[in-house]
Amino acid sequence: MSESAESAESGGSGETRLGGFDAAGRTWVMGLFAVGGAVVGLVVPFVAGWVADLPWAPFQGPFRLVAETSAGWLSWGLPLAGLVVGLALALHTVHGTAILHVSDQQIRVEKRGQVVRVIRREQVDGVHRDGSTVVVESAEGRTLFSGELEGDKGEIRDALVRHGYPWESS
């Protein structure tokens, strides 16, 4: 679902782009979140009706209100609201994903289209994975970057090694 490190090579700069979503990945995430939000909006009146019938459940008034008004505009309004909320969450997810621009001299960390950090090669003493998180550390043990990257784990490792960053197997 992420942009391939090989296809992300820039022509003359020798920079590799790691992470982020390609067009198919963005479409998949947007569709999944939109459908999920619409389904939640569709199911809310039924769940509210069920909860309103439980004698021990708190806030029965609001639950009953949602369950009883589902026949009107809320029958299409709640799924539509769920779809909009799902799309908003998808946009937040897609644009909030870290992208690393790796060259032999530095790693530029980008989020939401803005460079948030530049890590010079001489600062980096080790790069490794901690579960699904990529961690870049200095010689003093300071974490210079820690975040999840979209993409194939092998491609990410190969790209960093190709640019001369010390990969610690994990």
N, C-alpha and C. Protein backbone atom coordinates (compact mmCIF):
# COMPACT_ATOMS: atom_id res chain seq x y z
N MET A 1 0.80 -1.18 0.00
CA MET A 1 0.00 0.00 0.00
C MET A 1 0.85 1.26 0.00
N SER A 2 2.14 1.13 0.16
CA SER A 2 2.94 2.33 0.19
C SER A 2 3.78 2.42 -1.06
N GLU A 3 4.32 3.58 -1.25
CA GLU A 3 5.12 3.82 -2.42
C GLU A 3 6.41 3.03 -2.32
N SER A 4 6.74 2.34 -3.36
CA SER A 4 7.93 1.51 -3.40
C SER A 4 9.18 2.37 -3.33
N ALA A 5 10.17 1.92 -2.59
CA ALA A 5 11.41 2.67 -2.47
C ALA A 5 12.11 2.75 -3.82
N GLU A 6 12.03 1.70 -4.62
CA GLU A 6 12.67 1.70 -5.92
C GLU A 6 12.05 2.73 -6.84
N SER A 7 10.71 2.82 -6.86
CA SER A 7 10.05 3.75 -7.76
C SER A 7 10.14 5.17 -7.25
N ALA A 8 10.56 5.35 -6.02
CA ALA A 8 10.61 6.68 -5.44
C ALA A 8 11.99 7.31 -5.58
N GLU A 9 12.93 6.63 -6.21
CA GLU A 9 14.26 7.22 -6.40
C GLU A 9 14.13 8.49 -7.21
N SER A 10 14.74 9.57 -6.76
CA SER A 10 14.75 10.79 -7.54
C SER A 10 15.88 10.70 -8.55
N GLY A 11 15.67 11.35 -9.64
CA GLY A 11 16.63 11.29 -10.73
C GLY A 11 18.05 11.57 -10.33
N GLY A 12 18.41 12.82 -10.04
CA GLY A 12 19.81 13.16 -9.83
C GLY A 12 20.22 13.22 -8.38
N SER A 13 19.31 13.33 -7.46
CA SER A 13 19.70 13.58 -6.07
C SER A 13 20.08 12.30 -5.33
N GLY A 14 19.69 11.13 -5.81
CA GLY A 14 19.99 9.89 -5.12
C GLY A 14 19.21 9.76 -3.83
N GLU A 15 18.08 10.41 -3.74
CA GLU A 15 17.25 10.39 -2.54
C GLU A 15 16.15 9.35 -2.70
N THR A 16 15.87 8.63 -1.62
CA THR A 16 14.82 7.61 -1.62
C THR A 16 13.70 8.06 -0.70
N ARG A 17 12.48 7.91 -1.17
CA ARG A 17 11.30 8.26 -0.37
C ARG A 17 10.76 6.98 0.25
N LEU A 18 10.62 6.98 1.57
CA LEU A 18 10.09 5.83 2.30
C LEU A 18 8.83 6.24 3.04
N GLY A 19 7.84 5.39 3.02
CA GLY A 19 6.62 5.65 3.76
C GLY A 19 5.60 6.40 2.93
N GLY A 20 4.54 6.78 3.57
CA GLY A 20 3.45 7.46 2.88
C GLY A 20 2.58 6.47 2.11
N PHE A 21 1.47 6.93 1.63
CA PHE A 21 0.54 6.09 0.88
C PHE A 21 0.61 6.44 -0.59
N ASP A 22 0.61 5.43 -1.45
CA ASP A 22 0.49 5.68 -2.88
C ASP A 22 -1.00 5.89 -3.19
N ALA A 23 -1.33 6.12 -4.46
CA ALA A 23 -2.72 6.42 -4.84
C ALA A 23 -3.66 5.27 -4.46
N ALA A 24 -3.24 4.05 -4.72
CA ALA A 24 -4.10 2.90 -4.38
C ALA A 24 -4.29 2.79 -2.87
N GLY A 25 -3.24 3.02 -2.10
CA GLY A 25 -3.34 2.96 -0.65
C GLY A 25 -4.25 4.04 -0.09
N ARG A 26 -4.13 5.27 -0.64
CA ARG A 26 -5.02 6.35 -0.20
C ARG A 26 -6.48 6.01 -0.50
N THR A 27 -6.72 5.49 -1.70
CA THR A 27 -8.08 5.12 -2.08
C THR A 27 -8.63 4.04 -1.16
N TRP A 28 -7.81 3.04 -0.87
CA TRP A 28 -8.23 1.94 0.01
C TRP A 28 -8.57 2.46 1.41
N VAL A 29 -7.71 3.29 1.98
CA VAL A 29 -7.94 3.82 3.33
C VAL A 29 -9.18 4.71 3.34
N MET A 30 -9.32 5.59 2.35
CA MET A 30 -10.48 6.48 2.30
C MET A 30 -11.77 5.66 2.19
N GLY A 31 -11.77 4.66 1.31
CA GLY A 31 -12.96 3.84 1.13
C GLY A 31 -13.30 3.04 2.37
N LEU A 32 -12.29 2.45 2.98
CA LEU A 32 -12.51 1.63 4.18
C LEU A 32 -13.08 2.47 5.33
N PHE A 33 -12.49 3.63 5.57
CA PHE A 33 -12.96 4.48 6.66
C PHE A 33 -14.35 5.04 6.35
N ALA A 34 -14.61 5.42 5.09
CA ALA A 34 -15.92 5.96 4.72
C ALA A 34 -17.01 4.91 4.90
N VAL A 35 -16.77 3.70 4.40
CA VAL A 35 -17.76 2.63 4.54
C VAL A 35 -17.95 2.28 6.02
N GLY A 36 -16.85 2.20 6.75
CA GLY A 36 -16.94 1.90 8.19
C GLY A 36 -17.75 2.95 8.93
N GLY A 37 -17.53 4.23 8.63
CA GLY A 37 -18.30 5.29 9.27
C GLY A 37 -19.78 5.22 8.92
N ALA A 38 -20.08 4.94 7.64
CA ALA A 38 -21.48 4.83 7.22
C ALA A 38 -22.17 3.66 7.91
N VAL A 39 -21.46 2.54 8.04
CA VAL A 39 -22.04 1.36 8.72
C VAL A 39 -22.30 1.68 10.19
N VAL A 40 -21.37 2.36 10.83
CA VAL A 40 -21.57 2.73 12.23
C VAL A 40 -22.80 3.64 12.35
N GLY A 41 -22.92 4.61 11.44
CA GLY A 41 -24.09 5.49 11.45
C GLY A 41 -25.39 4.75 11.21
N LEU A 42 -25.33 3.70 10.41
CA LEU A 42 -26.52 2.90 10.11
C LEU A 42 -26.93 2.04 11.32
N VAL A 43 -25.95 1.57 12.07
CA VAL A 43 -26.20 0.65 13.18
C VAL A 43 -26.57 1.38 14.47
N VAL A 44 -26.18 2.64 14.60
CA VAL A 44 -26.40 3.39 15.85
C VAL A 44 -27.86 3.35 16.33
N PRO A 45 -28.88 3.57 15.48
CA PRO A 45 -30.26 3.53 15.99
C PRO A 45 -30.66 2.16 16.56
N PHE A 46 -30.18 1.10 15.93
CA PHE A 46 -30.51 -0.24 16.42
C PHE A 46 -29.85 -0.52 17.77
N VAL A 47 -28.60 -0.12 17.90
CA VAL A 47 -27.89 -0.30 19.17
C VAL A 47 -28.53 0.58 20.24
N ALA A 48 -28.89 1.81 19.87
CA ALA A 48 -29.53 2.71 20.83
C ALA A 48 -30.86 2.12 21.32
N GLY A 49 -31.62 1.52 20.40
CA GLY A 49 -32.89 0.88 20.80
C GLY A 49 -32.67 -0.28 21.74
N TRP A 50 -31.65 -1.07 21.47
CA TRP A 50 -31.33 -2.21 22.33
C TRP A 50 -30.92 -1.73 23.72
N VAL A 51 -30.05 -0.70 23.77
CA VAL A 51 -29.59 -0.18 25.06
C VAL A 51 -30.76 0.46 25.82
N ALA A 52 -31.65 1.14 25.12
CA ALA A 52 -32.80 1.79 25.78
C ALA A 52 -33.72 0.77 26.42
N ASP A 53 -33.71 -0.47 25.93
CA ASP A 53 -34.56 -1.52 26.50
C ASP A 53 -33.92 -2.21 27.70
N LEU A 54 -32.68 -1.94 27.97
CA LEU A 54 -32.02 -2.54 29.14
C LEU A 54 -32.39 -1.74 30.38
N PRO A 55 -33.00 -2.37 31.37
CA PRO A 55 -33.47 -1.62 32.54
C PRO A 55 -32.34 -1.02 33.37
N TRP A 56 -31.16 -1.58 33.31
CA TRP A 56 -30.05 -1.11 34.14
C TRP A 56 -29.15 -0.10 33.42
N ALA A 57 -29.38 0.15 32.14
CA ALA A 57 -28.50 1.03 31.36
C ALA A 57 -28.71 2.50 31.73
N PRO A 58 -27.64 3.24 31.92
CA PRO A 58 -27.77 4.68 32.19
C PRO A 58 -28.10 5.43 30.89
N PHE A 59 -28.52 6.66 31.02
CA PHE A 59 -28.81 7.55 29.89
C PHE A 59 -29.84 6.96 28.94
N GLN A 60 -30.87 6.36 29.47
CA GLN A 60 -31.87 5.74 28.60
C GLN A 60 -32.64 6.78 27.79
N GLY A 61 -32.82 7.96 28.31
CA GLY A 61 -33.53 9.01 27.58
C GLY A 61 -32.88 9.32 26.23
N PRO A 62 -31.59 9.66 26.21
CA PRO A 62 -30.94 9.93 24.92
C PRO A 62 -30.94 8.72 23.99
N PHE A 63 -30.76 7.53 24.54
CA PHE A 63 -30.78 6.32 23.70
C PHE A 63 -32.17 6.13 23.09
N ARG A 64 -33.20 6.33 23.88
CA ARG A 64 -34.57 6.17 23.39
C ARG A 64 -34.85 7.22 22.30
N LEU A 65 -34.38 8.43 22.51
CA LEU A 65 -34.57 9.50 21.53
C LEU A 65 -33.94 9.13 20.18
N VAL A 66 -32.70 8.65 20.21
CA VAL A 66 -32.03 8.25 18.97
C VAL A 66 -32.75 7.07 18.33
N ALA A 67 -33.17 6.11 19.11
CA ALA A 67 -33.85 4.93 18.57
C ALA A 67 -35.20 5.28 17.95
N GLU A 68 -35.95 6.20 18.56
CA GLU A 68 -37.28 6.53 18.07
C GLU A 68 -37.27 7.48 16.88
N THR A 69 -36.24 8.29 16.74
CA THR A 69 -36.20 9.24 15.62
C THR A 69 -35.51 8.65 14.39
N SER A 70 -35.20 7.37 14.44
CA SER A 70 -34.49 6.77 13.31
C SER A 70 -35.37 6.64 12.07
N ALA A 71 -36.66 6.79 12.22
CA ALA A 71 -37.54 6.66 11.06
C ALA A 71 -37.53 7.92 10.20
N GLY A 72 -37.18 9.06 10.74
CA GLY A 72 -37.18 10.33 10.00
C GLY A 72 -35.88 10.55 9.25
N TRP A 73 -35.45 11.79 9.27
CA TRP A 73 -34.24 12.16 8.54
C TRP A 73 -32.98 11.49 9.08
N LEU A 74 -33.03 11.04 10.34
CA LEU A 74 -31.86 10.37 10.90
C LEU A 74 -31.57 9.02 10.24
N SER A 75 -32.59 8.44 9.59
CA SER A 75 -32.36 7.15 8.92
C SER A 75 -31.32 7.29 7.81
N TRP A 76 -31.24 8.43 7.18
CA TRP A 76 -30.19 8.65 6.19
C TRP A 76 -29.14 9.64 6.70
N GLY A 77 -29.50 10.44 7.71
CA GLY A 77 -28.58 11.45 8.25
C GLY A 77 -27.43 10.85 9.04
N LEU A 78 -27.73 9.84 9.86
CA LEU A 78 -26.66 9.22 10.66
C LEU A 78 -25.63 8.49 9.79
N PRO A 79 -26.06 7.69 8.80
CA PRO A 79 -25.05 7.08 7.92
C PRO A 79 -24.23 8.13 7.16
N LEU A 80 -24.89 9.21 6.74
CA LEU A 80 -24.17 10.27 6.04
C LEU A 80 -23.16 10.94 6.97
N ALA A 81 -23.57 11.21 8.20
CA ALA A 81 -22.64 11.79 9.18
C ALA A 81 -21.49 10.83 9.47
N GLY A 82 -21.79 9.53 9.57
CA GLY A 82 -20.73 8.54 9.76
C GLY A 82 -19.76 8.51 8.60
N LEU A 83 -20.27 8.64 7.39
CA LEU A 83 -19.42 8.67 6.20
C LEU A 83 -18.49 9.88 6.24
N VAL A 84 -19.02 11.04 6.60
CA VAL A 84 -18.21 12.26 6.67
C VAL A 84 -17.14 12.14 7.76
N VAL A 85 -17.52 11.63 8.91
CA VAL A 85 -16.55 11.45 10.00
C VAL A 85 -15.48 10.44 9.58
N GLY A 86 -15.90 9.35 8.91
CA GLY A 86 -14.95 8.35 8.42
C GLY A 86 -13.96 8.95 7.44
N LEU A 87 -14.45 9.78 6.51
CA LEU A 87 -13.55 10.44 5.55
C LEU A 87 -12.58 11.39 6.25
N ALA A 88 -13.08 12.10 7.26
CA ALA A 88 -12.21 13.01 8.01
C ALA A 88 -11.10 12.24 8.73
N LEU A 89 -11.46 11.12 9.35
CA LEU A 89 -10.45 10.30 10.02
C LEU A 89 -9.46 9.71 9.02
N ALA A 90 -9.94 9.33 7.83
CA ALA A 90 -9.06 8.79 6.79
C ALA A 90 -8.07 9.86 6.33
N LEU A 91 -8.55 11.07 6.12
CA LEU A 91 -7.64 12.16 5.73
C LEU A 91 -6.59 12.41 6.80
N HIS A 92 -7.03 12.40 8.05
CA HIS A 92 -6.08 12.58 9.16
C HIS A 92 -5.03 11.47 9.16
N THR A 93 -5.45 10.24 8.92
CA THR A 93 -4.53 9.10 8.90
C THR A 93 -3.56 9.19 7.73
N VAL A 94 -4.08 9.46 6.54
CA VAL A 94 -3.24 9.50 5.34
C VAL A 94 -2.22 10.64 5.42
N HIS A 95 -2.68 11.81 5.81
CA HIS A 95 -1.77 12.97 5.84
C HIS A 95 -0.88 13.00 7.07
N GLY A 96 -1.22 12.24 8.09
CA GLY A 96 -0.41 12.21 9.30
C GLY A 96 0.69 11.16 9.29
N THR A 97 0.75 10.37 8.21
CA THR A 97 1.75 9.32 8.11
C THR A 97 3.12 9.93 7.80
N ALA A 98 4.13 9.46 8.49
CA ALA A 98 5.49 9.97 8.28
C ALA A 98 6.05 9.51 6.93
N ILE A 99 6.81 10.40 6.31
CA ILE A 99 7.53 10.10 5.08
C ILE A 99 8.99 10.46 5.33
N LEU A 100 9.88 9.53 5.02
CA LEU A 100 11.31 9.79 5.16
C LEU A 100 11.91 9.97 3.77
N HIS A 101 12.68 11.04 3.60
CA HIS A 101 13.45 11.26 2.38
C HIS A 101 14.90 10.98 2.76
N VAL A 102 15.40 9.83 2.31
CA VAL A 102 16.72 9.34 2.73
C VAL A 102 17.74 9.58 1.63
N SER A 103 18.86 10.20 2.00
CA SER A 103 20.00 10.34 1.09
C SER A 103 21.25 9.91 1.85
N ASP A 104 22.38 9.92 1.19
CA ASP A 104 23.63 9.54 1.86
C ASP A 104 24.01 10.54 2.94
N GLN A 105 23.53 11.78 2.84
CA GLN A 105 23.92 12.83 3.78
C GLN A 105 22.93 13.05 4.92
N GLN A 106 21.63 12.74 4.70
CA GLN A 106 20.64 13.07 5.72
C GLN A 106 19.34 12.29 5.52
N ILE A 107 18.53 12.33 6.57
CA ILE A 107 17.16 11.81 6.52
C ILE A 107 16.26 13.00 6.84
N ARG A 108 15.36 13.33 5.92
CA ARG A 108 14.37 14.39 6.15
C ARG A 108 13.06 13.72 6.53
N VAL A 109 12.52 14.06 7.69
CA VAL A 109 11.26 13.52 8.16
C VAL A 109 10.17 14.53 7.84
N GLU A 110 9.14 14.06 7.12
CA GLU A 110 8.07 14.93 6.68
C GLU A 110 6.73 14.39 7.20
N LYS A 111 5.92 15.29 7.72
CA LYS A 111 4.54 14.96 8.13
C LYS A 111 3.64 16.09 7.68
N ARG A 112 2.51 15.73 7.14
CA ARG A 112 1.53 16.70 6.66
C ARG A 112 2.14 17.71 5.68
N GLY A 113 3.09 17.23 4.85
CA GLY A 113 3.70 18.08 3.84
C GLY A 113 4.75 19.04 4.37
N GLN A 114 5.06 18.97 5.65
CA GLN A 114 6.03 19.87 6.26
C GLN A 114 7.22 19.06 6.78
N VAL A 115 8.42 19.57 6.57
CA VAL A 115 9.60 18.93 7.13
C VAL A 115 9.61 19.20 8.62
N VAL A 116 9.58 18.13 9.42
CA VAL A 116 9.54 18.29 10.87
C VAL A 116 10.90 18.04 11.51
N ARG A 117 11.79 17.41 10.75
CA ARG A 117 13.11 17.12 11.32
C ARG A 117 14.07 16.74 10.21
N VAL A 118 15.31 17.18 10.34
CA VAL A 118 16.38 16.76 9.45
C VAL A 118 17.44 16.10 10.31
N ILE A 119 17.76 14.85 9.98
CA ILE A 119 18.74 14.08 10.75
C ILE A 119 19.97 13.90 9.87
N ARG A 120 21.08 14.50 10.27
CA ARG A 120 22.32 14.37 9.49
C ARG A 120 22.90 12.97 9.67
N ARG A 121 23.52 12.45 8.64
CA ARG A 121 24.07 11.09 8.65
C ARG A 121 25.02 10.87 9.82
N GLU A 122 25.86 11.87 10.12
CA GLU A 122 26.84 11.71 11.21
C GLU A 122 26.19 11.62 12.59
N GLN A 123 24.92 12.00 12.71
CA GLN A 123 24.21 11.87 13.98
C GLN A 123 23.74 10.44 14.22
N VAL A 124 23.58 9.67 13.16
CA VAL A 124 22.95 8.35 13.24
C VAL A 124 23.98 7.28 13.59
N ASP A 125 23.71 6.56 14.68
CA ASP A 125 24.58 5.46 15.09
C ASP A 125 23.93 4.11 14.83
N GLY A 126 22.60 4.08 14.72
CA GLY A 126 21.93 2.82 14.47
C GLY A 126 20.48 3.02 14.07
N VAL A 127 20.00 2.10 13.24
CA VAL A 127 18.60 2.08 12.82
C VAL A 127 18.11 0.66 13.03
N HIS A 128 16.93 0.53 13.64
CA HIS A 128 16.36 -0.80 13.85
C HIS A 128 14.84 -0.72 13.90
N ARG A 129 14.24 -1.88 13.94
CA ARG A 129 12.79 -1.97 14.09
C ARG A 129 12.47 -2.36 15.52
N ASP A 130 11.41 -1.77 16.02
CA ASP A 130 10.84 -2.16 17.31
C ASP A 130 9.39 -2.48 17.03
N GLY A 131 9.13 -3.74 16.70
CA GLY A 131 7.80 -4.13 16.24
C GLY A 131 7.59 -3.58 14.84
N SER A 132 6.58 -2.74 14.66
CA SER A 132 6.35 -2.15 13.35
C SER A 132 6.91 -0.74 13.25
N THR A 133 7.61 -0.31 14.28
CA THR A 133 8.16 1.04 14.34
C THR A 133 9.62 1.04 13.89
N VAL A 134 9.99 2.02 13.07
CA VAL A 134 11.39 2.22 12.68
C VAL A 134 11.98 3.23 13.66
N VAL A 135 13.14 2.88 14.23
CA VAL A 135 13.78 3.73 15.22
C VAL A 135 15.17 4.10 14.73
N VAL A 136 15.47 5.41 14.73
CA VAL A 136 16.79 5.93 14.38
C VAL A 136 17.38 6.50 15.65
N GLU A 137 18.59 6.02 16.03
CA GLU A 137 19.20 6.44 17.29
C GLU A 137 20.59 7.03 17.07
N SER A 138 20.98 7.91 18.01
CA SER A 138 22.31 8.49 17.99
C SER A 138 23.25 7.62 18.81
N ALA A 139 24.55 7.95 18.79
CA ALA A 139 25.55 7.19 19.55
C ALA A 139 25.29 7.28 21.06
N GLU A 140 24.67 8.38 21.49
CA GLU A 140 24.37 8.57 22.92
C GLU A 140 23.09 7.84 23.33
N GLY A 141 22.43 7.18 22.40
CA GLY A 141 21.20 6.46 22.70
C GLY A 141 19.95 7.32 22.59
N ARG A 142 20.11 8.53 22.10
CA ARG A 142 18.97 9.43 21.92
C ARG A 142 18.17 8.99 20.70
N THR A 143 16.86 8.95 20.82
CA THR A 143 16.00 8.58 19.70
C THR A 143 15.81 9.81 18.82
N LEU A 144 16.30 9.71 17.58
CA LEU A 144 16.19 10.80 16.63
C LEU A 144 14.89 10.73 15.82
N PHE A 145 14.40 9.52 15.61
CA PHE A 145 13.12 9.30 14.95
C PHE A 145 12.57 7.97 15.42
N SER A 146 11.28 7.95 15.67
CA SER A 146 10.58 6.72 16.01
C SER A 146 9.17 6.83 15.47
N GLY A 147 8.85 5.97 14.51
CA GLY A 147 7.52 6.04 13.94
C GLY A 147 7.26 4.88 13.00
N GLU A 148 5.99 4.65 12.75
CA GLU A 148 5.60 3.60 11.82
C GLU A 148 5.70 4.15 10.40
N LEU A 149 6.23 3.34 9.51
CA LEU A 149 6.32 3.70 8.10
C LEU A 149 5.51 2.72 7.29
N GLU A 150 4.72 3.25 6.37
CA GLU A 150 3.99 2.39 5.45
C GLU A 150 4.98 1.82 4.46
N GLY A 151 4.87 0.57 4.16
CA GLY A 151 5.73 -0.03 3.14
C GLY A 151 6.30 -1.36 3.59
N ASP A 152 6.92 -2.01 2.65
CA ASP A 152 7.53 -3.30 2.87
C ASP A 152 8.74 -3.15 3.80
N LYS A 153 8.80 -3.98 4.83
CA LYS A 153 9.90 -3.90 5.80
C LYS A 153 11.25 -4.11 5.13
N GLY A 154 11.32 -5.04 4.21
CA GLY A 154 12.57 -5.32 3.51
C GLY A 154 13.02 -4.14 2.66
N GLU A 155 12.09 -3.48 1.98
CA GLU A 155 12.43 -2.31 1.17
C GLU A 155 12.96 -1.17 2.03
N ILE A 156 12.34 -0.98 3.17
CA ILE A 156 12.77 0.09 4.08
C ILE A 156 14.20 -0.19 4.55
N ARG A 157 14.46 -1.42 4.99
CA ARG A 157 15.80 -1.79 5.45
C ARG A 157 16.81 -1.65 4.32
N ASP A 158 16.48 -2.19 3.13
CA ASP A 158 17.40 -2.13 2.00
C ASP A 158 17.74 -0.70 1.60
N ALA A 159 16.75 0.18 1.61
CA ALA A 159 16.99 1.58 1.23
C ALA A 159 17.92 2.27 2.22
N LEU A 160 17.70 2.04 3.50
CA LEU A 160 18.57 2.66 4.51
C LEU A 160 19.99 2.12 4.43
N VAL A 161 20.13 0.82 4.24
CA VAL A 161 21.47 0.21 4.12
C VAL A 161 22.16 0.71 2.86
N ARG A 162 21.43 0.81 1.75
CA ARG A 162 21.99 1.29 0.48
C ARG A 162 22.55 2.71 0.63
N HIS A 163 21.94 3.52 1.49
CA HIS A 163 22.43 4.88 1.71
C HIS A 163 23.47 4.96 2.83
N GLY A 164 23.88 3.80 3.36
CA GLY A 164 24.98 3.77 4.32
C GLY A 164 24.59 3.92 5.78
N TYR A 165 23.33 3.72 6.11
CA TYR A 165 22.91 3.82 7.52
C TYR A 165 23.06 2.46 8.17
N PRO A 166 23.61 2.41 9.39
CA PRO A 166 23.85 1.11 10.06
C PRO A 166 22.55 0.49 10.55
N TRP A 167 22.17 -0.61 9.93
CA TRP A 167 20.95 -1.31 10.30
C TRP A 167 21.29 -2.39 11.32
N GLU A 168 20.60 -2.35 12.44
CA GLU A 168 20.77 -3.37 13.48
C GLU A 168 19.64 -4.37 13.30
N SER A 169 20.00 -5.61 13.08
CA SER A 169 18.94 -6.60 12.81
C SER A 169 18.06 -6.80 14.04
N SER A 170 16.77 -6.93 13.76
CA SER A 170 15.81 -7.21 14.83
C SER A 170 14.60 -7.84 14.22
